[in-house]
Amino acid sequence: MRAAQARVLLTGASGGIGRASASALLSAGASLMLVGRDGARLQAQIETLRSEQGCDAARLSHCVADLDRDEDLQRLASSSAGWGCNVLVHGAGLPAFGRLQNLPPAQLRALLGTNLLAPMLLTQALLPHLQLQARAQVICIGSALGRIGLPGFAAYSASKFGLRGFAEALRRELADSSVRVQYLGPRSTRTDFNNAAVEHYNQATGTAMDPPELVAQALLKLLESERPERFIGFPERLAVRLNGLAAPWLDGAFAKHRHSLPA
């Protein structure tokens, strides 16, 4: 689908990748409904985008919603269907870094709720509308850690492995329909999503960090190419392939990552 034909519902719109993605999509001609929990922040983001890009006001709207609340999900699905959404981008997410035994159970529940269950439920609620469209897409912004399990990211990887599995299975389930399901796997990205501990870990392990604008451009390319998956960065793209072929053979390659974890 060409960006100019896209009416995109973008969750996590106020995050680092979300802001860059909104700007890139809007610049390419898409119409956007931005989703987040903070209405004032979303409105300020819209005003900034309109000022920077001089776009038609009709191409930008927003919806305040907590994706962990069933009633908000249903309201969002109804509002976006009435708006004419034909592209759903799951960009909202929570981080989790550290040894598993140090992560509070409440954090694990919230992580899986936001990163995995909410995209599944929102897709389910919006799917009847999307299937009525001549062309529609569901894009899950996951992570390279949805194909590569790293020490320190057991919980986060679980959520992203689940999201990638959801996208893959649903893509095959809907293969005879007008809906395409896709997965974007960025590597570590330089945003507030990563705290100081992750920054230190990345430096200690030599992990590259991309600017969010690079991820946004990859999202735009994925939208227009309609490819099933896209992973960003080298050697991460190679590691994704190797891990898919022979994951246990790579276990020893991550000793440096294991030794770089906080105590």
Protein backbone atom coordinates (compact mmCIF):
# COMPACT_ATOMS: atom_id res chain seq x y z
CA MET A 1 0.00 0.00 0.00
CA ARG A 2 1.26 3.45 -0.85
CA ALA A 3 1.56 5.74 2.17
CA ALA A 4 -0.80 8.24 0.58
CA GLN A 5 -3.53 5.58 0.64
CA ALA A 6 -2.95 4.67 4.29
CA ARG A 7 -5.13 5.71 7.19
CA VAL A 8 -2.94 4.60 10.06
CA LEU A 9 -3.94 3.90 13.65
CA LEU A 10 -0.62 4.26 15.52
CA THR A 11 -0.39 3.12 19.13
CA GLY A 12 2.50 4.30 21.28
CA ALA A 13 2.49 7.47 19.19
CA SER A 14 4.18 9.65 21.82
CA GLY A 15 7.19 7.38 22.36
CA GLY A 16 10.53 7.88 20.65
CA ILE A 17 9.84 5.52 17.75
CA GLY A 18 6.20 6.60 17.70
CA ARG A 19 7.03 10.28 17.26
CA ALA A 20 9.54 9.56 14.49
CA SER A 21 7.10 7.18 12.79
CA ALA A 22 4.26 9.68 12.90
CA SER A 23 6.47 12.29 11.28
CA ALA A 24 7.72 9.92 8.56
CA LEU A 25 4.28 8.55 7.72
CA LEU A 26 2.70 11.98 7.62
CA SER A 27 5.50 13.33 5.42
CA ALA A 28 4.91 10.42 3.00
CA GLY A 29 1.24 11.31 2.67
CA ALA A 30 -0.49 9.06 5.19
CA SER A 31 -3.37 10.12 7.45
CA LEU A 32 -2.88 9.33 11.13
CA MET A 33 -4.85 8.66 14.29
CA LEU A 34 -2.37 8.87 17.16
CA VAL A 35 -3.02 6.79 20.27
CA GLY A 36 -1.63 7.28 23.77
CA ARG A 37 -2.61 7.67 27.41
CA ASP A 38 -1.83 11.40 27.72
CA GLY A 39 -4.28 13.58 25.80
CA ALA A 40 -2.36 16.82 26.35
CA ARG A 41 0.83 15.23 25.08
CA LEU A 42 -0.92 13.89 21.98
CA GLN A 43 -2.49 17.27 21.23
CA ALA A 44 0.89 18.98 21.56
CA GLN A 45 2.39 16.38 19.23
CA ILE A 46 -0.33 17.05 16.66
CA GLU A 47 0.24 20.80 16.83
CA THR A 48 3.98 20.27 16.33
CA LEU A 49 3.41 17.99 13.34
CA ARG A 50 0.98 20.44 11.74
CA SER A 51 3.42 23.29 12.28
CA GLU A 52 6.41 21.37 10.91
CA GLN A 53 4.69 19.80 7.92
CA GLY A 54 1.87 22.23 7.16
CA CYS A 55 -0.51 19.34 6.57
CA ASP A 56 -4.28 19.39 6.27
CA ALA A 57 -5.87 19.21 9.73
CA ALA A 58 -8.13 16.40 8.51
CA ARG A 59 -5.12 14.10 8.14
CA LEU A 60 -4.30 14.13 11.87
CA SER A 61 -6.41 13.09 14.82
CA HIS A 62 -5.86 11.39 18.15
CA CYS A 63 -7.56 9.07 20.61
CA VAL A 64 -6.71 8.84 24.30
CA ALA A 65 -6.75 5.21 25.41
CA ASP A 66 -5.18 2.86 27.93
CA LEU A 67 -4.52 -0.32 25.97
CA ASP A 68 -4.64 -2.39 29.15
CA ARG A 69 -8.34 -1.54 29.65
CA ASP A 70 -10.87 -3.61 27.70
CA GLU A 71 -13.35 -0.75 27.45
CA ASP A 72 -10.69 1.56 26.02
CA LEU A 73 -9.70 -1.06 23.45
CA GLN A 74 -13.27 -1.48 22.28
CA ARG A 75 -13.81 2.29 22.13
CA LEU A 76 -10.58 2.71 20.17
CA ALA A 77 -11.55 -0.02 17.70
CA SER A 78 -14.95 1.58 17.17
CA SER A 79 -13.54 5.10 16.74
CA SER A 80 -10.82 4.02 14.33
CA ALA A 81 -13.26 1.96 12.25
CA GLY A 82 -15.55 4.98 11.94
CA TRP A 83 -12.52 7.07 10.96
CA GLY A 84 -11.74 4.62 8.15
CA CYS A 85 -8.55 2.98 9.42
CA ASN A 86 -6.93 0.58 6.95
CA VAL A 87 -3.52 0.21 8.66
CA LEU A 88 -3.02 -0.75 12.30
CA VAL A 89 0.47 -0.20 13.68
CA HIS A 90 1.20 -1.67 17.11
CA GLY A 91 3.89 0.63 18.46
CA ALA A 92 3.09 0.74 22.18
CA GLY A 93 5.40 -1.22 24.44
CA LEU A 94 7.05 -1.51 27.84
CA PRO A 95 10.72 -2.31 28.57
CA ALA A 96 12.15 -4.88 30.97
CA PHE A 97 15.86 -5.42 31.55
CA GLY A 98 17.76 -7.34 34.19
CA ARG A 99 18.12 -10.79 35.65
CA LEU A 100 14.79 -12.57 35.80
CA GLN A 101 14.96 -13.13 39.55
CA ASN A 102 15.17 -9.35 40.08
CA LEU A 103 12.04 -8.43 38.08
CA PRO A 104 8.87 -7.90 40.15
CA PRO A 105 5.91 -10.12 39.18
CA ALA A 106 3.75 -7.04 38.63
CA GLN A 107 6.22 -5.77 36.05
CA LEU A 108 6.10 -9.09 34.21
CA ARG A 109 2.31 -9.03 34.08
CA ALA A 110 2.25 -5.43 32.83
CA LEU A 111 4.93 -6.23 30.24
CA LEU A 112 3.01 -9.12 28.71
CA GLY A 113 -0.26 -7.20 28.90
CA THR A 114 1.03 -4.20 26.96
CA ASN A 115 3.52 -5.87 24.60
CA LEU A 116 1.53 -8.95 23.65
CA LEU A 117 -2.05 -9.18 24.90
CA ALA A 118 -3.09 -5.62 23.97
CA PRO A 119 -1.98 -5.97 20.31
CA MET A 120 -3.83 -9.27 20.08
CA LEU A 121 -7.05 -7.86 21.55
CA LEU A 122 -6.97 -4.64 19.52
CA THR A 123 -6.35 -6.59 16.31
CA GLN A 124 -9.21 -8.92 17.18
CA ALA A 125 -11.57 -6.00 17.83
CA LEU A 126 -10.64 -4.15 14.63
CA LEU A 127 -10.32 -7.17 12.33
CA PRO A 128 -13.96 -7.28 11.15
CA HIS A 129 -13.57 -3.69 9.89
CA LEU A 130 -10.16 -4.33 8.32
CA GLN A 131 -11.46 -7.36 6.43
CA LEU A 132 -14.05 -5.14 4.74
CA GLN A 133 -11.32 -2.94 3.27
CA ALA A 134 -10.02 -3.46 -0.27
CA ARG A 135 -6.52 -3.53 1.24
CA ALA A 136 -5.50 -3.46 4.89
CA GLN A 137 -2.37 -4.07 6.96
CA VAL A 138 -1.50 -4.90 10.56
CA ILE A 139 2.11 -4.04 11.45
CA CYS A 140 3.61 -5.19 14.74
CA ILE A 141 6.65 -3.19 15.83
CA GLY A 142 8.55 -5.78 17.80
CA SER A 143 12.29 -6.19 18.22
CA ALA A 144 15.24 -8.20 17.00
CA LEU A 145 14.84 -9.76 20.46
CA GLY A 146 11.71 -11.38 19.10
CA ARG A 147 14.04 -13.72 17.21
CA ILE A 148 17.18 -13.63 19.41
CA GLY A 149 17.05 -14.30 23.15
CA LEU A 150 19.71 -12.30 25.02
CA PRO A 151 20.79 -12.55 28.66
CA GLY A 152 19.02 -9.82 30.62
CA PHE A 153 16.03 -9.75 28.30
CA ALA A 154 14.26 -13.02 29.15
CA ALA A 155 10.96 -11.31 29.95
CA TYR A 156 11.14 -8.74 27.16
CA SER A 157 12.13 -11.40 24.61
CA ALA A 158 9.21 -13.55 25.74
CA SER A 159 6.81 -10.72 24.94
CA LYS A 160 8.39 -10.04 21.54
CA PHE A 161 8.80 -13.71 20.60
CA GLY A 162 5.08 -13.96 21.34
CA LEU A 163 4.28 -10.91 19.23
CA ARG A 164 6.29 -12.24 16.30
CA GLY A 165 4.58 -15.63 16.61
CA PHE A 166 1.21 -13.90 16.67
CA ALA A 167 2.06 -11.92 13.53
CA GLU A 168 3.37 -14.99 11.72
CA ALA A 169 0.41 -17.21 12.55
CA LEU A 170 -2.17 -14.51 11.85
CA ARG A 171 -0.47 -13.68 8.53
CA ARG A 172 -0.99 -17.29 7.47
CA GLU A 173 -4.51 -17.38 8.88
CA LEU A 174 -5.51 -14.33 6.83
CA ALA A 175 -3.59 -15.21 3.67
CA ASP A 176 -6.81 -15.51 1.64
CA SER A 177 -8.14 -12.16 2.87
CA SER A 178 -7.37 -8.54 2.05
CA VAL A 179 -5.41 -8.11 5.32
CA ARG A 180 -1.60 -8.37 5.39
CA VAL A 181 0.13 -8.94 8.75
CA GLN A 182 3.75 -7.83 9.16
CA TYR A 183 6.50 -7.69 11.78
CA LEU A 184 9.22 -5.06 12.14
CA GLY A 185 12.23 -5.97 14.27
CA PRO A 186 14.39 -2.99 15.24
CA ARG A 187 17.57 -3.50 17.22
CA SER A 188 18.35 -1.28 20.21
CA THR A 189 17.16 2.26 19.52
CA ARG A 190 18.35 5.50 21.06
CA THR A 191 15.23 6.63 22.93
CA ASP A 192 14.06 7.03 26.52
CA PHE A 193 12.83 3.43 26.31
CA ASN A 194 16.36 2.39 27.31
CA ASN A 195 17.47 3.33 30.80
CA ALA A 196 21.03 3.90 32.01
CA ALA A 197 21.52 0.20 32.79
CA VAL A 198 20.68 -0.77 29.21
CA GLU A 199 22.95 1.99 27.86
CA HIS A 200 25.83 0.59 29.98
CA TYR A 201 25.05 -2.98 28.85
CA ASN A 202 25.05 -1.91 25.20
CA GLN A 203 28.39 -0.16 25.59
CA ALA A 204 29.92 -3.14 27.40
CA THR A 205 28.71 -5.60 24.74
CA GLY A 206 29.37 -3.39 21.71
CA THR A 207 25.67 -3.29 20.81
CA ALA A 208 24.84 -0.59 18.26
CA MET A 209 21.92 1.76 18.82
CA ASP A 210 19.97 3.27 15.94
CA PRO A 211 18.22 6.64 15.90
CA PRO A 212 14.41 6.36 15.95
CA GLU A 213 14.24 8.07 12.56
CA LEU A 214 15.96 5.03 10.98
CA VAL A 215 13.29 2.76 12.46
CA ALA A 216 10.58 5.09 11.18
CA GLN A 217 11.95 4.87 7.65
CA ALA A 218 12.07 1.08 7.92
CA LEU A 219 8.43 1.11 8.99
CA LEU A 220 7.50 3.22 5.98
CA LYS A 221 9.35 0.84 3.65
CA LEU A 222 7.64 -2.16 5.24
CA LEU A 223 4.24 -0.54 4.82
CA GLU A 224 4.80 0.11 1.13
CA SER A 225 6.57 -3.16 0.30
CA GLU A 226 4.04 -5.34 2.20
CA ARG A 227 6.87 -7.76 3.03
CA PRO A 228 6.07 -10.17 5.89
CA GLU A 229 9.06 -9.20 8.05
CA ARG A 230 11.88 -6.71 8.20
CA PHE A 231 14.80 -6.67 10.66
CA ILE A 232 17.14 -3.74 11.06
CA GLY A 233 20.92 -3.60 11.39
CA PHE A 234 24.00 -5.80 11.00
CA PRO A 235 25.00 -8.18 12.57
CA GLU A 236 21.48 -8.46 14.01
CA ARG A 237 19.93 -9.48 10.67
CA LEU A 238 22.53 -12.25 10.34
CA ALA A 239 22.01 -13.35 13.95
CA VAL A 240 18.27 -13.56 13.34
CA ARG A 241 18.85 -15.98 10.47
CA LEU A 242 21.42 -18.07 12.29
CA ASN A 243 19.31 -18.20 15.45
CA GLY A 244 16.40 -19.45 13.41
CA LEU A 245 18.52 -22.25 11.94
CA ALA A 246 20.52 -23.42 14.94
CA ALA A 247 19.83 -21.45 18.10
CA PRO A 248 21.77 -23.69 20.55
CA TRP A 249 24.94 -23.27 18.49
CA LEU A 250 24.88 -19.56 19.27
CA ASP A 251 24.58 -19.95 23.06
CA GLY A 252 28.30 -19.51 23.61
CA ALA A 253 28.36 -16.29 21.58
CA PHE A 254 26.57 -14.42 24.35
CA ALA A 255 29.00 -14.94 27.24
CA LYS A 256 30.00 -11.27 27.10
CA HIS A 257 26.35 -10.27 27.37
CA ARG A 258 25.82 -12.59 30.34
CA HIS A 259 28.86 -11.21 32.15
CA SER A 260 27.76 -7.62 31.48
CA LEU A 261 24.49 -7.96 33.39
CA PRO A 262 23.91 -6.00 36.60
CA ALA A 263 24.49 -8.03 39.76
